[in-house]
Amino acid sequence: TLHKEETGPVPVADMLRDMWELREKNDYFYWFWIPHTDVTRGVTFNKVNQSAEEDSYKRFLDRKIVVPISVITTIELTFPRLAPYLNRLMAWFIRPSSLIAESSFVLEVPTVPGYSFAAEYF
């Protein structure tokens, strides 16, 4: 079972200041910057000894936020000139979240059918 926490939006300067501490305090940590904005998103993963949350609403909400972001990314690849505007829109979707679930669910990244999504490409 993993506990996944997502921060954001976090100003770039704050993330650069805090990233080493976040890395030391968590089992796994990564962050990414959203181009054309001054914000980042951090994601931490930690092993926990408790059962997974049975919160279907939280899982539903997680999917409803991630899928629009992957749709925006797909549009950017097709229409690169829209990227600055779409990235600002994408930054609006970022909200802090927390989830405790089986690792297979926590590590899964939902995508738009036919599109391979990777957070590093924001």
PDB file of N, CA and C in Angstrom:
ATOM      1  N   THR A   1       0.844  -1.179   0.000  1.00  0.00           N
ATOM      2  CA  THR A   1       0.000   0.000   0.000  1.00  0.00           C
ATOM      3  C   THR A   1       0.886   1.238   0.000  1.00  0.00           C
ATOM      4  N   LEU A   2       0.519   2.204  -0.827  1.00  0.00           N
ATOM      5  CA  LEU A   2       1.283   3.449  -0.933  1.00  0.00           C
ATOM      6  C   LEU A   2       0.419   4.660  -0.587  1.00  0.00           C
ATOM      7  N   HIS A   3       1.083   5.649  -0.029  1.00  0.00           N
ATOM      8  CA  HIS A   3       0.450   6.949   0.199  1.00  0.00           C
ATOM      9  C   HIS A   3       1.054   7.906  -0.815  1.00  0.00           C
ATOM     10  N   LYS A   4       0.211   8.422  -1.688  1.00  0.00           N
ATOM     11  CA  LYS A   4       0.638   9.363  -2.728  1.00  0.00           C
ATOM     12  C   LYS A   4       0.109  10.739  -2.361  1.00  0.00           C
ATOM     13  N   GLU A   5       0.994  11.720  -2.325  1.00  0.00           N
ATOM     14  CA  GLU A   5       0.578  13.097  -2.089  1.00  0.00           C
ATOM     15  C   GLU A   5       1.084  13.952  -3.230  1.00  0.00           C
ATOM     16  N   GLU A   6       0.194  14.789  -3.739  1.00  0.00           N
ATOM     17  CA  GLU A   6       0.545  15.705  -4.825  1.00  0.00           C
ATOM     18  C   GLU A   6       0.368  17.131  -4.318  1.00  0.00           C
ATOM     19  N   THR A   7       1.390  17.939  -4.511  1.00  0.00           N
ATOM     20  CA  THR A   7       1.324  19.334  -4.098  1.00  0.00           C
ATOM     21  C   THR A   7       1.042  20.192  -5.315  1.00  0.00           C
ATOM     22  N   GLY A   8       0.658  21.394  -5.063  1.00  0.00           N
ATOM     23  CA  GLY A   8       0.543  22.290  -6.190  1.00  0.00           C
ATOM     24  C   GLY A   8      -0.670  23.168  -6.125  1.00  0.00           C
ATOM     25  N   PRO A   9      -0.638  24.220  -6.859  1.00  0.00           N
ATOM     26  CA  PRO A   9       0.559  24.712  -7.551  1.00  0.00           C
ATOM     27  C   PRO A   9       1.545  25.327  -6.563  1.00  0.00           C
ATOM     28  N   VAL A  10       2.814  25.032  -6.772  1.00  0.00           N
ATOM     29  CA  VAL A  10       3.893  25.529  -5.917  1.00  0.00           C
ATOM     30  C   VAL A  10       4.803  26.414  -6.771  1.00  0.00           C
ATOM     31  N   PRO A  11       5.103  27.640  -6.331  1.00  0.00           N
ATOM     32  CA  PRO A  11       6.016  28.488  -7.106  1.00  0.00           C
ATOM     33  C   PRO A  11       7.374  27.803  -7.316  1.00  0.00           C
ATOM     34  N   VAL A  12       7.974  28.044  -8.465  1.00  0.00           N
ATOM     35  CA  VAL A  12       9.251  27.418  -8.816  1.00  0.00           C
ATOM     36  C   VAL A  12      10.303  27.664  -7.725  1.00  0.00           C
ATOM     37  N   ALA A  13      10.418  28.898  -7.247  1.00  0.00           N
ATOM     38  CA  ALA A  13      11.431  29.223  -6.235  1.00  0.00           C
ATOM     39  C   ALA A  13      11.233  28.400  -4.964  1.00  0.00           C
ATOM     40  N   ASP A  14       9.981  28.194  -4.553  1.00  0.00           N
ATOM     41  CA  ASP A  14       9.713  27.393  -3.358  1.00  0.00           C
ATOM     42  C   ASP A  14      10.091  25.932  -3.572  1.00  0.00           C
ATOM     43  N   MET A  15       9.784  25.396  -4.751  1.00  0.00           N
ATOM     44  CA  MET A  15      10.129  24.000  -5.033  1.00  0.00           C
ATOM     45  C   MET A  15      11.642  23.819  -5.056  1.00  0.00           C
ATOM     46  N   LEU A  16      12.353  24.739  -5.675  1.00  0.00           N
ATOM     47  CA  LEU A  16      13.819  24.639  -5.711  1.00  0.00           C
ATOM     48  C   LEU A  16      14.408  24.707  -4.304  1.00  0.00           C
ATOM     49  N   ARG A  17      13.802  25.493  -3.444  1.00  0.00           N
ATOM     50  CA  ARG A  17      14.269  25.606  -2.065  1.00  0.00           C
ATOM     51  C   ARG A  17      13.994  24.322  -1.270  1.00  0.00           C
ATOM     52  N   ASP A  18      12.836  23.687  -1.500  1.00  0.00           N
ATOM     53  CA  ASP A  18      12.392  22.567  -0.665  1.00  0.00           C
ATOM     54  C   ASP A  18      12.665  21.183  -1.235  1.00  0.00           C
ATOM     55  N   MET A  19      13.124  21.068  -2.473  1.00  0.00           N
ATOM     56  CA  MET A  19      13.174  19.756  -3.124  1.00  0.00           C
ATOM     57  C   MET A  19      14.095  18.755  -2.442  1.00  0.00           C
ATOM     58  N   TRP A  20      15.227  19.197  -1.914  1.00  0.00           N
ATOM     59  CA  TRP A  20      16.138  18.236  -1.279  1.00  0.00           C
ATOM     60  C   TRP A  20      15.556  17.716   0.029  1.00  0.00           C
ATOM     61  N   GLU A  21      14.887  18.561   0.758  1.00  0.00           N
ATOM     62  CA  GLU A  21      14.240  18.126   1.993  1.00  0.00           C
ATOM     63  C   GLU A  21      13.110  17.141   1.693  1.00  0.00           C
ATOM     64  N   LEU A  22      12.321  17.416   0.661  1.00  0.00           N
ATOM     65  CA  LEU A  22      11.253  16.505   0.269  1.00  0.00           C
ATOM     66  C   LEU A  22      11.819  15.149  -0.156  1.00  0.00           C
ATOM     67  N   ARG A  23      12.937  15.161  -0.849  1.00  0.00           N
ATOM     68  CA  ARG A  23      13.563  13.903  -1.276  1.00  0.00           C
ATOM     69  C   ARG A  23      14.025  13.086  -0.079  1.00  0.00           C
ATOM     70  N   GLU A  24      14.588  13.755   0.911  1.00  0.00           N
ATOM     71  CA  GLU A  24      15.085  13.053   2.096  1.00  0.00           C
ATOM     72  C   GLU A  24      13.967  12.494   2.973  1.00  0.00           C
ATOM     73  N   LYS A  25      12.827  13.165   3.009  1.00  0.00           N
ATOM     74  CA  LYS A  25      11.740  12.785   3.904  1.00  0.00           C
ATOM     75  C   LYS A  25      10.766  11.757   3.325  1.00  0.00           C
ATOM     76  N   ASN A  26      10.911  11.412   2.051  1.00  0.00           N
ATOM     77  CA  ASN A  26       9.957  10.520   1.405  1.00  0.00           C
ATOM     78  C   ASN A  26      10.665   9.350   0.740  1.00  0.00           C
ATOM     79  N   ASP A  27       9.915   8.248   0.563  1.00  0.00           N
ATOM     80  CA  ASP A  27      10.483   7.089  -0.129  1.00  0.00           C
ATOM     81  C   ASP A  27      10.819   7.429  -1.576  1.00  0.00           C
ATOM     82  N   TYR A  28       9.943   8.191  -2.215  1.00  0.00           N
ATOM     83  CA  TYR A  28      10.176   8.592  -3.600  1.00  0.00           C
ATOM     84  C   TYR A  28       9.554   9.968  -3.800  1.00  0.00           C
ATOM     85  N   PHE A  29      10.218  10.803  -4.568  1.00  0.00           N
ATOM     86  CA  PHE A  29       9.734  12.155  -4.808  1.00  0.00           C
ATOM     87  C   PHE A  29      10.141  12.595  -6.205  1.00  0.00           C
ATOM     88  N   TYR A  30       9.252  13.256  -6.895  1.00  0.00           N
ATOM     89  CA  TYR A  30       9.618  13.932  -8.138  1.00  0.00           C
ATOM     90  C   TYR A  30       8.780  15.191  -8.254  1.00  0.00           C
ATOM     91  N   TRP A  31       9.234  16.076  -9.101  1.00  0.00           N
ATOM     92  CA  TRP A  31       8.487  17.305  -9.352  1.00  0.00           C
ATOM     93  C   TRP A  31       8.674  17.706 -10.798  1.00  0.00           C
ATOM     94  N   PHE A  32       7.774  18.521 -11.261  1.00  0.00           N
ATOM     95  CA  PHE A  32       7.903  19.031 -12.620  1.00  0.00           C
ATOM     96  C   PHE A  32       7.384  20.457 -12.681  1.00  0.00           C
ATOM     97  N   TRP A  33       7.928  21.192 -13.619  1.00  0.00           N
ATOM     98  CA  TRP A  33       7.539  22.568 -13.880  1.00  0.00           C
ATOM     99  C   TRP A  33       6.576  22.562 -15.056  1.00  0.00           C
ATOM    100  N   ILE A  34       5.588  23.414 -14.991  1.00  0.00           N
ATOM    101  CA  ILE A  34       4.656  23.557 -16.103  1.00  0.00           C
ATOM    102  C   ILE A  34       5.137  24.737 -16.936  1.00  0.00           C
ATOM    103  N   PRO A  35       5.650  24.479 -18.143  1.00  0.00           N
ATOM    104  CA  PRO A  35       6.173  25.565 -18.985  1.00  0.00           C
ATOM    105  C   PRO A  35       5.165  26.695 -19.179  1.00  0.00           C
ATOM    106  N   HIS A  36       5.685  27.897 -19.350  1.00  0.00           N
ATOM    107  CA  HIS A  36       4.890  29.107 -19.565  1.00  0.00           C
ATOM    108  C   HIS A  36       4.136  29.551 -18.313  1.00  0.00           C
ATOM    109  N   THR A  37       4.487  28.954 -17.167  1.00  0.00           N
ATOM    110  CA  THR A  37       3.906  29.371 -15.889  1.00  0.00           C
ATOM    111  C   THR A  37       5.054  29.501 -14.895  1.00  0.00           C
ATOM    112  N   ASP A  38       4.739  29.954 -13.704  1.00  0.00           N
ATOM    113  CA  ASP A  38       5.761  30.020 -12.652  1.00  0.00           C
ATOM    114  C   ASP A  38       5.458  29.011 -11.554  1.00  0.00           C
ATOM    115  N   VAL A  39       4.747  27.915 -11.919  1.00  0.00           N
ATOM    116  CA  VAL A  39       4.374  26.919 -10.917  1.00  0.00           C
ATOM    117  C   VAL A  39       4.903  25.530 -11.248  1.00  0.00           C
ATOM    118  N   THR A  40       5.003  24.734 -10.188  1.00  0.00           N
ATOM    119  CA  THR A  40       5.446  23.347 -10.286  1.00  0.00           C
ATOM    120  C   THR A  40       4.432  22.461  -9.575  1.00  0.00           C
ATOM    121  N   ARG A  41       4.649  21.167  -9.710  1.00  0.00           N
ATOM    122  CA  ARG A  41       3.877  20.179  -8.960  1.00  0.00           C
ATOM    123  C   ARG A  41       4.840  19.151  -8.412  1.00  0.00           C
ATOM    124  N   GLY A  42       4.724  18.855  -7.141  1.00  0.00           N
ATOM    125  CA  GLY A  42       5.534  17.820  -6.515  1.00  0.00           C
ATOM    126  C   GLY A  42       4.686  16.610  -6.200  1.00  0.00           C
ATOM    127  N   VAL A  43       5.279  15.432  -6.303  1.00  0.00           N
ATOM    128  CA  VAL A  43       4.567  14.187  -6.021  1.00  0.00           C
ATOM    129  C   VAL A  43       5.460  13.333  -5.122  1.00  0.00           C
ATOM    130  N   THR A  44       4.903  12.879  -3.992  1.00  0.00           N
ATOM    131  CA  THR A  44       5.649  11.996  -3.085  1.00  0.00           C
ATOM    132  C   THR A  44       4.923  10.664  -2.966  1.00  0.00           C
ATOM    133  N   PHE A  45       5.704   9.622  -2.748  1.00  0.00           N
ATOM    134  CA  PHE A  45       5.173   8.279  -2.512  1.00  0.00           C
ATOM    135  C   PHE A  45       5.840   7.732  -1.264  1.00  0.00           C
ATOM    136  N   ASN A  46       5.044   7.151  -0.366  1.00  0.00           N
ATOM    137  CA  ASN A  46       5.572   6.526   0.834  1.00  0.00           C
ATOM    138  C   ASN A  46       4.816   5.232   1.104  1.00  0.00           C
ATOM    139  N   LYS A  47       5.555   4.186   1.496  1.00  0.00           N
ATOM    140  CA  LYS A  47       4.936   2.926   1.884  1.00  0.00           C
ATOM    141  C   LYS A  47       4.246   3.134   3.224  1.00  0.00           C
ATOM    142  N   VAL A  48       3.058   2.568   3.370  1.00  0.00           N
ATOM    143  CA  VAL A  48       2.319   2.657   4.622  1.00  0.00           C
ATOM    144  C   VAL A  48       1.812   1.277   5.012  1.00  0.00           C
ATOM    145  N   ASN A  49       1.641   1.084   6.302  1.00  0.00           N
ATOM    146  CA  ASN A  49       1.134  -0.197   6.816  1.00  0.00           C
ATOM    147  C   ASN A  49      -0.317  -0.038   7.236  1.00  0.00           C
ATOM    148  N   GLN A  50      -1.147   0.290   6.304  1.00  0.00           N
ATOM    149  CA  GLN A  50      -2.576   0.377   6.549  1.00  0.00           C
ATOM    150  C   GLN A  50      -3.303  -0.026   5.290  1.00  0.00           C
ATOM    151  N   SER A  51      -4.563  -0.341   5.452  1.00  0.00           N
ATOM    152  CA  SER A  51      -5.318  -0.783   4.283  1.00  0.00           C
ATOM    153  C   SER A  51      -5.652   0.411   3.398  1.00  0.00           C
ATOM    154  N   ALA A  52      -5.897   0.105   2.168  1.00  0.00           N
ATOM    155  CA  ALA A  52      -6.209   1.143   1.175  1.00  0.00           C
ATOM    156  C   ALA A  52      -7.521   1.826   1.518  1.00  0.00           C
ATOM    157  N   GLU A  53      -7.620   3.090   1.180  1.00  0.00           N
ATOM    158  CA  GLU A  53      -8.865   3.835   1.372  1.00  0.00           C
ATOM    159  C   GLU A  53      -9.913   3.309   0.407  1.00  0.00           C
ATOM    160  N   GLU A  54     -11.092   3.181   0.880  1.00  0.00           N
ATOM    161  CA  GLU A  54     -12.200   2.780   0.002  1.00  0.00           C
ATOM    162  C   GLU A  54     -13.025   4.020  -0.307  1.00  0.00           C
ATOM    163  N   ASP A  55     -12.408   4.963  -0.950  1.00  0.00           N
ATOM    164  CA  ASP A  55     -13.072   6.231  -1.249  1.00  0.00           C
ATOM    165  C   ASP A  55     -13.225   6.355  -2.753  1.00  0.00           C
ATOM    166  N   SER A  56     -14.314   5.821  -3.266  1.00  0.00           N
ATOM    167  CA  SER A  56     -14.498   5.823  -4.716  1.00  0.00           C
ATOM    168  C   SER A  56     -14.642   7.246  -5.257  1.00  0.00           C
ATOM    169  N   TYR A  57     -15.180   8.179  -4.446  1.00  0.00           N
ATOM    170  CA  TYR A  57     -15.303   9.562  -4.902  1.00  0.00           C
ATOM    171  C   TYR A  57     -13.934  10.170  -5.149  1.00  0.00           C
ATOM    172  N   LYS A  58     -12.981   9.920  -4.231  1.00  0.00           N
ATOM    173  CA  LYS A  58     -11.632  10.468  -4.392  1.00  0.00           C
ATOM    174  C   LYS A  58     -10.974   9.871  -5.642  1.00  0.00           C
ATOM    175  N   ARG A  59     -11.164   8.593  -5.879  1.00  0.00           N
ATOM    176  CA  ARG A  59     -10.599   7.973  -7.082  1.00  0.00           C
ATOM    177  C   ARG A  59     -11.239   8.551  -8.342  1.00  0.00           C
ATOM    178  N   PHE A  60     -12.546   8.757  -8.297  1.00  0.00           N
ATOM    179  CA  PHE A  60     -13.260   9.352  -9.429  1.00  0.00           C
ATOM    180  C   PHE A  60     -12.738  10.759  -9.697  1.00  0.00           C
ATOM    181  N   LEU A  61     -12.594  11.580  -8.644  1.00  0.00           N
ATOM    182  CA  LEU A  61     -12.109  12.938  -8.791  1.00  0.00           C
ATOM    183  C   LEU A  61     -10.691  12.959  -9.346  1.00  0.00           C
ATOM    184  N   ASP A  62      -9.840  12.042  -8.867  1.00  0.00           N
ATOM    185  CA  ASP A  62      -8.467  11.967  -9.365  1.00  0.00           C
ATOM    186  C   ASP A  62      -8.471  11.744 -10.873  1.00  0.00           C
ATOM    187  N   ARG A  63      -9.313  10.875 -11.344  1.00  0.00           N
ATOM    188  CA  ARG A  63      -9.397  10.597 -12.777  1.00  0.00           C
ATOM    189  C   ARG A  63      -9.939  11.801 -13.543  1.00  0.00           C
ATOM    190  N   LYS A  64     -10.888  12.501 -12.980  1.00  0.00           N
ATOM    191  CA  LYS A  64     -11.495  13.636 -13.660  1.00  0.00           C
ATOM    192  C   LYS A  64     -10.516  14.808 -13.791  1.00  0.00           C
ATOM    193  N   ILE A  65      -9.536  14.894 -12.922  1.00  0.00           N
ATOM    194  CA  ILE A  65      -8.540  15.967 -13.002  1.00  0.00           C
ATOM    195  C   ILE A  65      -7.395  15.571 -13.926  1.00  0.00           C
ATOM    196  N   VAL A  66      -6.920  14.340 -13.828  1.00  0.00           N
ATOM    197  CA  VAL A  66      -5.770  13.914 -14.620  1.00  0.00           C
ATOM    198  C   VAL A  66      -6.111  13.811 -16.101  1.00  0.00           C
ATOM    199  N   VAL A  67      -7.259  13.289 -16.428  1.00  0.00           N
ATOM    200  CA  VAL A  67      -7.616  13.117 -17.830  1.00  0.00           C
ATOM    201  C   VAL A  67      -7.693  14.457 -18.568  1.00  0.00           C
ATOM    202  N   PRO A  68      -8.314  15.526 -18.001  1.00  0.00           N
ATOM    203  CA  PRO A  68      -8.272  16.810 -18.721  1.00  0.00           C
ATOM    204  C   PRO A  68      -6.848  17.306 -18.957  1.00  0.00           C
ATOM    205  N   ILE A  69      -5.953  17.067 -18.003  1.00  0.00           N
ATOM    206  CA  ILE A  69      -4.563  17.487 -18.192  1.00  0.00           C
ATOM    207  C   ILE A  69      -3.942  16.734 -19.357  1.00  0.00           C
ATOM    208  N   SER A  70      -4.213  15.441 -19.481  1.00  0.00           N
ATOM    209  CA  SER A  70      -3.644  14.693 -20.600  1.00  0.00           C
ATOM    210  C   SER A  70      -4.291  15.110 -21.924  1.00  0.00           C
ATOM    211  N   VAL A  71      -5.545  15.520 -21.903  1.00  0.00           N
ATOM    212  CA  VAL A  71      -6.187  16.031 -23.118  1.00  0.00           C
ATOM    213  C   VAL A  71      -5.511  17.334 -23.538  1.00  0.00           C
ATOM    214  N   ILE A  72      -5.259  18.217 -22.568  1.00  0.00           N
ATOM    215  CA  ILE A  72      -4.573  19.482 -22.867  1.00  0.00           C
ATOM    216  C   ILE A  72      -3.206  19.206 -23.474  1.00  0.00           C
ATOM    217  N   THR A  73      -2.473  18.252 -22.902  1.00  0.00           N
ATOM    218  CA  THR A  73      -1.151  17.910 -23.416  1.00  0.00           C
ATOM    219  C   THR A  73      -1.246  17.387 -24.848  1.00  0.00           C
ATOM    220  N   THR A  74      -2.251  16.586 -25.140  1.00  0.00           N
ATOM    221  CA  THR A  74      -2.453  16.071 -26.496  1.00  0.00           C
ATOM    222  C   THR A  74      -2.713  17.208 -27.480  1.00  0.00           C
ATOM    223  N   ILE A  75      -3.538  18.170 -27.097  1.00  0.00           N
ATOM    224  CA  ILE A  75      -3.818  19.327 -27.957  1.00  0.00           C
ATOM    225  C   ILE A  75      -2.541  20.121 -28.208  1.00  0.00           C
ATOM    226  N   GLU A  76      -1.719  20.277 -27.164  1.00  0.00           N
ATOM    227  CA  GLU A  76      -0.454  21.012 -27.326  1.00  0.00           C
ATOM    228  C   GLU A  76       0.452  20.367 -28.360  1.00  0.00           C
ATOM    229  N   LEU A  77       0.482  19.045 -28.361  1.00  0.00           N
ATOM    230  CA  LEU A  77       1.334  18.355 -29.334  1.00  0.00           C
ATOM    231  C   LEU A  77       0.839  18.587 -30.761  1.00  0.00           C
ATOM    232  N   THR A  78      -0.459  18.744 -30.913  1.00  0.00           N
ATOM    233  CA  THR A  78      -1.044  18.966 -32.229  1.00  0.00           C
ATOM    234  C   THR A  78      -0.946  20.426 -32.658  1.00  0.00           C
ATOM    235  N   PHE A  79      -1.126  21.331 -31.696  1.00  0.00           N
ATOM    236  CA  PHE A  79      -1.118  22.776 -31.974  1.00  0.00           C
ATOM    237  C   PHE A  79      -0.127  23.479 -31.033  1.00  0.00           C
ATOM    238  N   PRO A  80       1.175  23.383 -31.315  1.00  0.00           N
ATOM    239  CA  PRO A  80       2.197  23.912 -30.404  1.00  0.00           C
ATOM    240  C   PRO A  80       2.048  25.396 -30.067  1.00  0.00           C
ATOM    241  N   ARG A  81       1.491  26.176 -30.959  1.00  0.00           N
ATOM    242  CA  ARG A  81       1.342  27.620 -30.686  1.00  0.00           C
ATOM    243  C   ARG A  81       0.373  27.900 -29.536  1.00  0.00           C
ATOM    244  N   LEU A  82      -0.487  26.932 -29.241  1.00  0.00           N
ATOM    245  CA  LEU A  82      -1.433  27.095 -28.142  1.00  0.00           C
ATOM    246  C   LEU A  82      -0.821  26.749 -26.782  1.00  0.00           C
ATOM    247  N   ALA A  83       0.384  26.196 -26.783  1.00  0.00           N
ATOM    248  CA  ALA A  83       0.998  25.697 -25.547  1.00  0.00           C
ATOM    249  C   ALA A  83       1.022  26.708 -24.400  1.00  0.00           C
ATOM    250  N   PRO A  84       1.454  27.948 -24.613  1.00  0.00           N
ATOM    251  CA  PRO A  84       1.480  28.874 -23.474  1.00  0.00           C
ATOM    252  C   PRO A  84       0.112  29.059 -22.815  1.00  0.00           C
ATOM    253  N   TYR A  85      -0.931  29.148 -23.607  1.00  0.00           N
ATOM    254  CA  TYR A  85      -2.275  29.350 -23.077  1.00  0.00           C
ATOM    255  C   TYR A  85      -2.804  28.085 -22.408  1.00  0.00           C
ATOM    256  N   LEU A  86      -2.549  26.952 -23.049  1.00  0.00           N
ATOM    257  CA  LEU A  86      -3.022  25.688 -22.500  1.00  0.00           C
ATOM    258  C   LEU A  86      -2.283  25.314 -21.217  1.00  0.00           C
ATOM    259  N   ASN A  87      -0.991  25.655 -21.135  1.00  0.00           N
ATOM    260  CA  ASN A  87      -0.252  25.363 -19.910  1.00  0.00           C
ATOM    261  C   ASN A  87      -0.773  26.177 -18.741  1.00  0.00           C
ATOM    262  N   ARG A  88      -1.155  27.420 -18.993  1.00  0.00           N
ATOM    263  CA  ARG A  88      -1.764  28.224 -17.927  1.00  0.00           C
ATOM    264  C   ARG A  88      -3.089  27.606 -17.482  1.00  0.00           C
ATOM    265  N   LEU A  89      -3.841  27.095 -18.434  1.00  0.00           N
ATOM    266  CA  LEU A  89      -5.082  26.398 -18.102  1.00  0.00           C
ATOM    267  C   LEU A  89      -4.786  25.138 -17.288  1.00  0.00           C
ATOM    268  N   MET A  90      -3.769  24.392 -17.706  1.00  0.00           N
ATOM    269  CA  MET A  90      -3.388  23.175 -17.004  1.00  0.00           C
ATOM    270  C   MET A  90      -3.004  23.478 -15.558  1.00  0.00           C
ATOM    271  N   ALA A  91      -2.285  24.569 -15.341  1.00  0.00           N
ATOM    272  CA  ALA A  91      -1.872  24.944 -13.986  1.00  0.00           C
ATOM    273  C   ALA A  91      -3.095  25.180 -13.107  1.00  0.00           C
ATOM    274  N   TRP A  92      -4.185  25.621 -13.707  1.00  0.00           N
ATOM    275  CA  TRP A  92      -5.411  25.844 -12.945  1.00  0.00           C
ATOM    276  C   TRP A  92      -5.981  24.542 -12.392  1.00  0.00           C
ATOM    277  N   PHE A  93      -5.786  23.420 -13.119  1.00  0.00           N
ATOM    278  CA  PHE A  93      -6.305  22.120 -12.686  1.00  0.00           C
ATOM    279  C   PHE A  93      -5.535  21.545 -11.503  1.00  0.00           C
ATOM    280  N   ILE A  94      -4.336  22.017 -11.255  1.00  0.00           N
ATOM    281  CA  ILE A  94      -3.496  21.433 -10.209  1.00  0.00           C
ATOM    282  C   ILE A  94      -3.998  21.849  -8.833  1.00  0.00           C
ATOM    283  N   ARG A  95      -4.298  20.856  -8.022  1.00  0.00           N
ATOM    284  CA  ARG A  95      -4.708  21.062  -6.642  1.00  0.00           C
ATOM    285  C   ARG A  95      -4.032  19.993  -5.792  1.00  0.00           C
ATOM    286  N   PRO A  96      -3.733  20.320  -4.533  1.00  0.00           N
ATOM    287  CA  PRO A  96      -3.149  19.293  -3.659  1.00  0.00           C
ATOM    288  C   PRO A  96      -4.109  18.108  -3.522  1.00  0.00           C
ATOM    289  N   SER A  97      -3.547  16.920  -3.462  1.00  0.00           N
ATOM    290  CA  SER A  97      -4.374  15.736  -3.266  1.00  0.00           C
ATOM    291  C   SER A  97      -3.582  14.681  -2.515  1.00  0.00           C
ATOM    292  N   SER A  98      -4.303  13.749  -1.935  1.00  0.00           N
ATOM    293  CA  SER A  98      -3.688  12.675  -1.165  1.00  0.00           C
ATOM    294  C   SER A  98      -4.494  11.408  -1.395  1.00  0.00           C
ATOM    295  N   LEU A  99      -3.801  10.289  -1.532  1.00  0.00           N
ATOM    296  CA  LEU A  99      -4.475   9.020  -1.791  1.00  0.00           C
ATOM    297  C   LEU A  99      -3.676   7.894  -1.161  1.00  0.00           C
ATOM    298  N   ILE A 100      -4.366   7.014  -0.450  1.00  0.00           N
ATOM    299  CA  ILE A 100      -3.763   5.783   0.058  1.00  0.00           C
ATOM    300  C   ILE A 100      -4.473   4.639  -0.649  1.00  0.00           C
ATOM    301  N   ALA A 101      -3.709   3.857  -1.404  1.00  0.00           N
ATOM    302  CA  ALA A 101      -4.307   2.773  -2.178  1.00  0.00           C
ATOM    303  C   ALA A 101      -3.235   1.735  -2.495  1.00  0.00           C
ATOM    304  N   GLU A 102      -3.684   0.652  -3.096  1.00  0.00           N
ATOM    305  CA  GLU A 102      -2.738  -0.372  -3.535  1.00  0.00           C
ATOM    306  C   GLU A 102      -1.788   0.241  -4.549  1.00  0.00           C
ATOM    307  N   SER A 103      -0.538  -0.179  -4.524  1.00  0.00           N
ATOM    308  CA  SER A 103       0.472   0.441  -5.379  1.00  0.00           C
ATOM    309  C   SER A 103       0.105   0.368  -6.861  1.00  0.00           C
ATOM    310  N   SER A 104      -0.568  -0.692  -7.285  1.00  0.00           N
ATOM    311  CA  SER A 104      -0.934  -0.801  -8.701  1.00  0.00           C
ATOM    312  C   SER A 104      -1.888   0.316  -9.120  1.00  0.00           C
ATOM    313  N   PHE A 105      -2.724   0.779  -8.196  1.00  0.00           N
ATOM    314  CA  PHE A 105      -3.630   1.883  -8.510  1.00  0.00           C
ATOM    315  C   PHE A 105      -2.920   3.226  -8.400  1.00  0.00           C
ATOM    316  N   VAL A 106      -2.117   3.395  -7.353  1.00  0.00           N
ATOM    317  CA  VAL A 106      -1.437   4.666  -7.106  1.00  0.00           C
ATOM    318  C   VAL A 106      -0.478   4.999  -8.241  1.00  0.00           C
ATOM    319  N   LEU A 107       0.226   4.006  -8.758  1.00  0.00           N
ATOM    320  CA  LEU A 107       1.237   4.245  -9.787  1.00  0.00           C
ATOM    321  C   LEU A 107       0.661   4.295 -11.192  1.00  0.00           C
ATOM    322  N   GLU A 108      -0.595   3.939 -11.360  1.00  0.00           N
ATOM    323  CA  GLU A 108      -1.244   3.986 -12.674  1.00  0.00           C
ATOM    324  C   GLU A 108      -1.527   5.431 -13.047  1.00  0.00           C
ATOM    325  N   VAL A 109      -1.251   5.788 -14.289  1.00  0.00           N
ATOM    326  CA  VAL A 109      -1.562   7.122 -14.790  1.00  0.00           C
ATOM    327  C   VAL A 109      -2.620   6.977 -15.870  1.00  0.00           C
ATOM    328  N   PRO A 110      -3.849   7.447 -15.591  1.00  0.00           N
ATOM    329  CA  PRO A 110      -4.897   7.344 -16.607  1.00  0.00           C
ATOM    330  C   PRO A 110      -4.587   8.238 -17.792  1.00  0.00           C
ATOM    331  N   THR A 111      -4.944   7.791 -18.961  1.00  0.00           N
ATOM    332  CA  THR A 111      -4.633   8.559 -20.168  1.00  0.00           C
ATOM    333  C   THR A 111      -5.832   8.624 -21.096  1.00  0.00           C
ATOM    334  N   VAL A 112      -5.708   9.473 -22.051  1.00  0.00           N
ATOM    335  CA  VAL A 112      -6.677   9.521 -23.137  1.00  0.00           C
ATOM    336  C   VAL A 112      -6.398   8.305 -24.013  1.00  0.00           C
ATOM    337  N   PRO A 113      -7.426   7.586 -24.462  1.00  0.00           N
ATOM    338  CA  PRO A 113      -7.180   6.415 -25.307  1.00  0.00           C
ATOM    339  C   PRO A 113      -6.282   6.744 -26.500  1.00  0.00           C
ATOM    340  N   GLY A 114      -5.272   5.911 -26.713  1.00  0.00           N
ATOM    341  CA  GLY A 114      -4.369   6.087 -27.846  1.00  0.00           C
ATOM    342  C   GLY A 114      -3.253   7.077 -27.601  1.00  0.00           C
ATOM    343  N   TYR A 115      -3.150   7.596 -26.386  1.00  0.00           N
ATOM    344  CA  TYR A 115      -2.109   8.585 -26.093  1.00  0.00           C
ATOM    345  C   TYR A 115      -1.264   8.106 -24.933  1.00  0.00           C
ATOM    346  N   SER A 116       0.036   8.122 -25.092  1.00  0.00           N
ATOM    347  CA  SER A 116       0.948   7.729 -24.026  1.00  0.00           C
ATOM    348  C   SER A 116       1.319   8.963 -23.231  1.00  0.00           C
ATOM    349  N   PHE A 117       0.971   8.977 -21.958  1.00  0.00           N
ATOM    350  CA  PHE A 117       1.127  10.155 -21.107  1.00  0.00           C
ATOM    351  C   PHE A 117       2.290   9.963 -20.147  1.00  0.00           C
ATOM    352  N   ALA A 118       3.137  10.948 -20.021  1.00  0.00           N
ATOM    353  CA  ALA A 118       4.209  10.910 -19.029  1.00  0.00           C
ATOM    354  C   ALA A 118       4.322  12.299 -18.410  1.00  0.00           C
ATOM    355  N   ALA A 119       4.365  12.352 -17.094  1.00  0.00           N
ATOM    356  CA  ALA A 119       4.386  13.630 -16.384  1.00  0.00           C
ATOM    357  C   ALA A 119       5.567  14.491 -16.785  1.00  0.00           C
ATOM    358  N   GLU A 120       6.673  13.875 -17.168  1.00  0.00           N
ATOM    359  CA  GLU A 120       7.843  14.638 -17.523  1.00  0.00           C
ATOM    360  C   GLU A 120       7.627  15.511 -18.750  1.00  0.00           C
ATOM    361  N   TYR A 121       6.585  15.269 -19.518  1.00  0.00           N
ATOM    362  CA  TYR A 121       6.342  16.023 -20.734  1.00  0.00           C
ATOM    363  C   TYR A 121       5.457  17.236 -20.535  1.00  0.00           C
ATOM    364  N   PHE A 122       5.072  17.590 -19.310  1.00  0.00           N
ATOM    365  CA  PHE A 122       4.294  18.789 -19.085  1.00  0.00           C
ATOM    366  C   PHE A 122       5.118  19.939 -19.574  1.00  0.00           C
TER     367      PHE A 122
END
